[in-house]
């Protein structure tokens, strides 16, 4: 099995709980990968925009939310364009400043 590493960092000036609450709100909402979903609960469908090629458009990743532990974990089970799980061994770091 191959390994894919996506890196994105964004600094925001709000507490982690606020940033966690922005997840799923879509483009420009203050969250990396422009995640879009109706609710942040297990089973909810989700779409992400992954920057795989800096010179091209992002790739849309479709899946569902596997598990949630506010305000520290959102596990995503993705089905397209490939099957997999964004979870153990994957880290999305949000740096906040007060």
N, C-alpha and C. Protein backbone atom coordinates (compact mmCIF):
# COMPACT_ATOMS: atom_id res chain seq x y z
N UNK A 1 0.84 -1.17 0.00
CA UNK A 1 0.00 0.00 0.00
C UNK A 1 0.88 1.23 0.00
N UNK A 2 0.58 2.21 -0.83
CA UNK A 2 1.33 3.44 -0.91
C UNK A 2 1.01 4.39 0.22
N UNK A 3 1.82 5.41 0.36
CA UNK A 3 1.63 6.40 1.40
C UNK A 3 1.40 7.75 0.75
N UNK A 4 0.41 8.47 1.23
CA UNK A 4 0.12 9.82 0.74
C UNK A 4 0.16 10.76 1.93
N UNK A 5 0.92 11.82 1.81
CA UNK A 5 1.02 12.81 2.88
C UNK A 5 0.53 14.15 2.36
N UNK A 6 -0.46 14.71 3.03
CA UNK A 6 -0.96 16.04 2.70
C UNK A 6 -0.57 16.97 3.83
N UNK A 7 -0.06 18.12 3.51
CA UNK A 7 0.33 19.08 4.52
C UNK A 7 -0.36 20.40 4.27
N UNK A 8 -1.00 20.90 5.30
CA UNK A 8 -1.61 22.22 5.23
C UNK A 8 -1.56 22.81 6.63
N UNK A 9 -1.22 24.06 6.73
CA UNK A 9 -1.18 24.71 8.02
C UNK A 9 -1.85 26.06 7.90
N UNK A 10 -2.64 26.37 8.88
CA UNK A 10 -3.32 27.66 8.89
C UNK A 10 -3.35 28.16 10.32
N UNK A 11 -2.97 29.40 10.53
CA UNK A 11 -3.01 29.98 11.87
C UNK A 11 -4.28 30.81 12.02
N UNK A 12 -4.96 30.60 13.14
CA UNK A 12 -6.18 31.35 13.43
C UNK A 12 -6.09 31.89 14.85
N UNK A 13 -6.78 32.99 15.11
CA UNK A 13 -6.70 33.64 16.41
C UNK A 13 -7.93 33.37 17.27
N UNK A 14 -8.32 32.11 17.37
CA UNK A 14 -9.46 31.72 18.20
C UNK A 14 -9.11 30.42 18.93
N UNK A 15 -9.84 30.11 20.01
CA UNK A 15 -9.57 28.87 20.75
C UNK A 15 -9.85 27.62 19.91
N UNK A 16 -9.20 26.49 20.25
CA UNK A 16 -9.40 25.24 19.51
C UNK A 16 -10.87 24.82 19.37
N UNK A 17 -11.69 25.06 20.41
CA UNK A 17 -13.11 24.68 20.34
C UNK A 17 -13.84 25.42 19.23
N UNK A 18 -13.48 26.68 19.02
CA UNK A 18 -14.11 27.47 17.96
C UNK A 18 -13.70 26.94 16.60
N UNK A 19 -12.41 26.66 16.43
CA UNK A 19 -11.91 26.12 15.16
C UNK A 19 -12.58 24.78 14.88
N UNK A 20 -12.69 23.92 15.88
CA UNK A 20 -13.35 22.63 15.72
C UNK A 20 -14.78 22.82 15.23
N UNK A 21 -15.46 23.82 15.77
CA UNK A 21 -16.84 24.11 15.37
C UNK A 21 -16.98 24.58 13.93
N UNK A 22 -15.90 25.07 13.33
CA UNK A 22 -15.94 25.51 11.93
C UNK A 22 -15.84 24.37 10.94
N UNK A 23 -15.46 23.17 11.41
CA UNK A 23 -15.27 22.05 10.50
C UNK A 23 -16.56 21.74 9.75
N UNK A 24 -16.45 21.59 8.45
CA UNK A 24 -17.61 21.25 7.63
C UNK A 24 -18.33 22.43 7.03
N UNK A 25 -17.90 23.64 7.38
CA UNK A 25 -18.60 24.84 6.90
C UNK A 25 -18.24 25.22 5.47
N UNK A 26 -17.23 24.58 4.88
CA UNK A 26 -16.89 24.84 3.48
C UNK A 26 -15.81 25.87 3.29
N UNK A 27 -15.64 26.27 2.05
CA UNK A 27 -14.56 27.17 1.63
C UNK A 27 -14.62 28.50 2.36
N UNK A 28 -13.45 28.97 2.78
CA UNK A 28 -13.35 30.28 3.39
C UNK A 28 -13.85 30.36 4.81
N UNK A 29 -14.21 29.23 5.41
CA UNK A 29 -14.76 29.25 6.77
C UNK A 29 -13.68 29.16 7.84
N UNK A 30 -12.42 29.13 7.44
CA UNK A 30 -11.34 29.08 8.40
C UNK A 30 -10.83 27.69 8.68
N UNK A 31 -11.12 26.74 7.82
CA UNK A 31 -10.66 25.37 8.04
C UNK A 31 -9.88 24.90 6.81
N UNK A 32 -8.81 24.14 7.05
CA UNK A 32 -8.03 23.61 5.94
C UNK A 32 -8.80 22.53 5.19
N UNK A 33 -8.51 22.36 3.93
CA UNK A 33 -9.10 21.38 3.02
C UNK A 33 -10.56 21.67 2.69
N UNK A 34 -11.08 22.84 3.03
CA UNK A 34 -12.44 23.24 2.67
C UNK A 34 -13.47 22.13 2.90
N UNK A 35 -13.42 21.50 4.05
CA UNK A 35 -14.35 20.41 4.36
C UNK A 35 -15.79 20.91 4.32
N UNK A 36 -16.66 20.09 3.74
CA UNK A 36 -18.07 20.45 3.62
C UNK A 36 -18.93 19.27 4.05
N UNK A 37 -19.77 19.49 5.08
CA UNK A 37 -20.72 18.47 5.53
C UNK A 37 -21.86 19.16 6.26
N UNK A 38 -22.99 18.45 6.40
CA UNK A 38 -24.17 19.02 7.06
C UNK A 38 -24.02 19.05 8.58
N UNK A 39 -23.46 17.97 9.14
CA UNK A 39 -23.28 17.86 10.58
C UNK A 39 -21.98 17.12 10.85
N UNK A 40 -21.37 17.37 11.98
CA UNK A 40 -20.14 16.68 12.33
C UNK A 40 -20.49 15.57 13.32
N UNK A 41 -21.06 14.49 12.77
CA UNK A 41 -21.42 13.30 13.55
C UNK A 41 -21.08 12.06 12.71
N UNK A 42 -20.78 10.93 13.36
CA UNK A 42 -20.47 9.72 12.60
C UNK A 42 -21.56 9.37 11.58
N UNK A 43 -21.11 8.99 10.38
CA UNK A 43 -22.02 8.60 9.31
C UNK A 43 -22.34 9.70 8.33
N UNK A 44 -22.06 10.94 8.68
CA UNK A 44 -22.38 12.08 7.81
C UNK A 44 -21.45 12.10 6.59
N UNK A 45 -22.03 12.32 5.42
CA UNK A 45 -21.25 12.45 4.18
C UNK A 45 -20.40 13.71 4.24
N UNK A 46 -19.20 13.64 3.64
CA UNK A 46 -18.27 14.77 3.68
C UNK A 46 -17.50 14.86 2.36
N UNK A 47 -17.16 16.08 1.99
CA UNK A 47 -16.32 16.34 0.82
C UNK A 47 -15.16 17.22 1.27
N UNK A 48 -13.95 16.88 0.82
CA UNK A 48 -12.74 17.65 1.12
C UNK A 48 -12.06 18.02 -0.19
N UNK A 49 -11.31 19.09 -0.18
CA UNK A 49 -10.52 19.50 -1.34
C UNK A 49 -9.05 19.32 -0.97
N UNK A 50 -8.39 18.34 -1.59
CA UNK A 50 -6.99 18.04 -1.27
C UNK A 50 -6.05 18.66 -2.30
N UNK A 51 -5.06 19.43 -1.85
CA UNK A 51 -4.09 20.06 -2.76
C UNK A 51 -2.98 19.08 -3.15
N UNK A 52 -3.28 18.15 -4.04
CA UNK A 52 -2.29 17.13 -4.42
C UNK A 52 -1.23 17.66 -5.37
N UNK A 53 -1.58 18.61 -6.22
CA UNK A 53 -0.64 19.16 -7.20
C UNK A 53 -0.69 20.68 -7.10
N UNK A 54 0.39 21.33 -6.64
CA UNK A 54 0.37 22.78 -6.46
C UNK A 54 0.06 23.56 -7.73
N UNK A 55 0.32 22.97 -8.89
CA UNK A 55 0.08 23.69 -10.14
C UNK A 55 -1.30 23.38 -10.73
N UNK A 56 -2.06 22.51 -10.10
CA UNK A 56 -3.37 22.15 -10.62
C UNK A 56 -4.47 22.37 -9.60
N UNK A 57 -5.69 22.09 -10.00
CA UNK A 57 -6.81 22.26 -9.07
C UNK A 57 -6.78 21.19 -7.98
N UNK A 58 -7.42 21.43 -6.84
CA UNK A 58 -7.46 20.41 -5.79
C UNK A 58 -8.29 19.20 -6.23
N UNK A 59 -8.03 18.07 -5.61
CA UNK A 59 -8.76 16.84 -5.88
C UNK A 59 -9.86 16.70 -4.83
N UNK A 60 -11.08 16.42 -5.27
CA UNK A 60 -12.18 16.24 -4.33
C UNK A 60 -12.13 14.84 -3.74
N UNK A 61 -12.16 14.77 -2.42
CA UNK A 61 -12.20 13.50 -1.70
C UNK A 61 -13.57 13.37 -1.07
N UNK A 62 -14.26 12.26 -1.34
CA UNK A 62 -15.60 12.03 -0.81
C UNK A 62 -15.56 10.89 0.19
N UNK A 63 -16.31 11.02 1.26
CA UNK A 63 -16.36 9.98 2.27
C UNK A 63 -17.42 10.28 3.30
N UNK A 64 -17.17 9.80 4.53
CA UNK A 64 -18.10 10.03 5.63
C UNK A 64 -17.30 10.16 6.92
N UNK A 65 -17.92 10.74 7.91
CA UNK A 65 -17.27 10.88 9.21
C UNK A 65 -17.37 9.55 9.94
N UNK A 66 -16.21 9.03 10.39
CA UNK A 66 -16.16 7.75 11.09
C UNK A 66 -16.38 7.90 12.59
N UNK A 67 -15.66 8.85 13.20
CA UNK A 67 -15.86 9.09 14.63
C UNK A 67 -15.42 10.51 14.97
N UNK A 68 -15.96 11.01 16.07
CA UNK A 68 -15.71 12.39 16.49
C UNK A 68 -15.43 12.41 17.99
N UNK A 69 -14.40 13.15 18.38
CA UNK A 69 -14.09 13.40 19.79
C UNK A 69 -13.78 14.89 19.94
N UNK A 70 -14.82 15.72 20.13
CA UNK A 70 -14.59 17.16 20.25
C UNK A 70 -13.73 17.49 21.46
N UNK A 71 -12.91 18.49 21.39
CA UNK A 71 -12.50 19.25 20.21
C UNK A 71 -11.17 18.77 19.65
N UNK A 72 -10.91 17.44 19.61
CA UNK A 72 -9.58 17.01 19.19
C UNK A 72 -9.51 16.02 18.04
N UNK A 73 -10.59 15.34 17.68
CA UNK A 73 -10.48 14.31 16.65
C UNK A 73 -11.71 14.26 15.77
N UNK A 74 -11.48 14.23 14.46
CA UNK A 74 -12.52 13.92 13.47
C UNK A 74 -11.88 12.89 12.55
N UNK A 75 -12.39 11.67 12.59
CA UNK A 75 -11.88 10.60 11.72
C UNK A 75 -12.73 10.56 10.47
N UNK A 76 -12.08 10.53 9.31
CA UNK A 76 -12.78 10.53 8.03
C UNK A 76 -12.49 9.23 7.30
N UNK A 77 -13.55 8.53 6.90
CA UNK A 77 -13.43 7.33 6.09
C UNK A 77 -13.72 7.77 4.66
N UNK A 78 -12.72 7.70 3.78
CA UNK A 78 -12.93 8.22 2.42
C UNK A 78 -13.08 7.08 1.42
N UNK A 79 -13.95 7.31 0.43
CA UNK A 79 -14.30 6.30 -0.57
C UNK A 79 -13.81 6.66 -1.97
N UNK A 80 -13.75 7.94 -2.31
CA UNK A 80 -13.33 8.36 -3.64
C UNK A 80 -12.35 9.51 -3.50
N UNK A 81 -11.34 9.64 -4.29
CA UNK A 81 -11.00 8.83 -5.45
C UNK A 81 -10.34 7.51 -5.10
N UNK A 82 -10.06 7.23 -3.84
CA UNK A 82 -9.54 5.94 -3.40
C UNK A 82 -10.14 5.64 -2.04
N UNK A 83 -10.12 4.38 -1.62
CA UNK A 83 -10.67 3.99 -0.32
C UNK A 83 -9.58 4.08 0.74
N UNK A 84 -9.95 4.51 1.92
CA UNK A 84 -8.99 4.59 3.00
C UNK A 84 -9.59 5.26 4.22
N UNK A 85 -8.73 5.57 5.15
CA UNK A 85 -9.17 6.17 6.40
C UNK A 85 -8.14 7.20 6.82
N UNK A 86 -8.61 8.39 7.14
CA UNK A 86 -7.75 9.44 7.66
C UNK A 86 -7.92 9.40 9.17
N UNK A 87 -6.99 8.74 9.84
CA UNK A 87 -7.14 8.55 11.28
C UNK A 87 -5.79 8.33 11.92
N UNK A 88 -5.60 7.17 12.55
CA UNK A 88 -4.39 6.86 13.28
C UNK A 88 -3.16 7.08 12.40
N UNK A 89 -2.22 7.85 12.90
CA UNK A 89 -1.03 8.15 12.13
C UNK A 89 -1.18 9.40 11.28
N UNK A 90 -2.39 9.96 11.24
CA UNK A 90 -2.64 11.19 10.49
C UNK A 90 -2.86 12.30 11.51
N UNK A 91 -2.25 13.42 11.27
CA UNK A 91 -2.41 14.52 12.21
C UNK A 91 -2.70 15.79 11.46
N UNK A 92 -3.71 16.49 11.91
CA UNK A 92 -4.00 17.82 11.41
C UNK A 92 -3.76 18.75 12.58
N UNK A 93 -2.78 19.60 12.46
CA UNK A 93 -2.41 20.47 13.56
C UNK A 93 -2.98 21.85 13.31
N UNK A 94 -3.71 22.34 14.29
CA UNK A 94 -4.24 23.70 14.22
C UNK A 94 -3.51 24.52 15.28
N UNK A 95 -2.85 25.57 14.85
CA UNK A 95 -2.10 26.44 15.76
C UNK A 95 -2.97 27.64 16.07
N UNK A 96 -3.25 27.85 17.35
CA UNK A 96 -4.08 28.99 17.74
C UNK A 96 -3.24 29.96 18.55
N UNK A 97 -3.61 31.21 18.51
CA UNK A 97 -2.94 32.22 19.33
C UNK A 97 -4.00 33.07 20.00
N UNK A 98 -3.72 33.47 21.24
CA UNK A 98 -4.71 34.27 21.96
C UNK A 98 -4.33 35.72 22.09
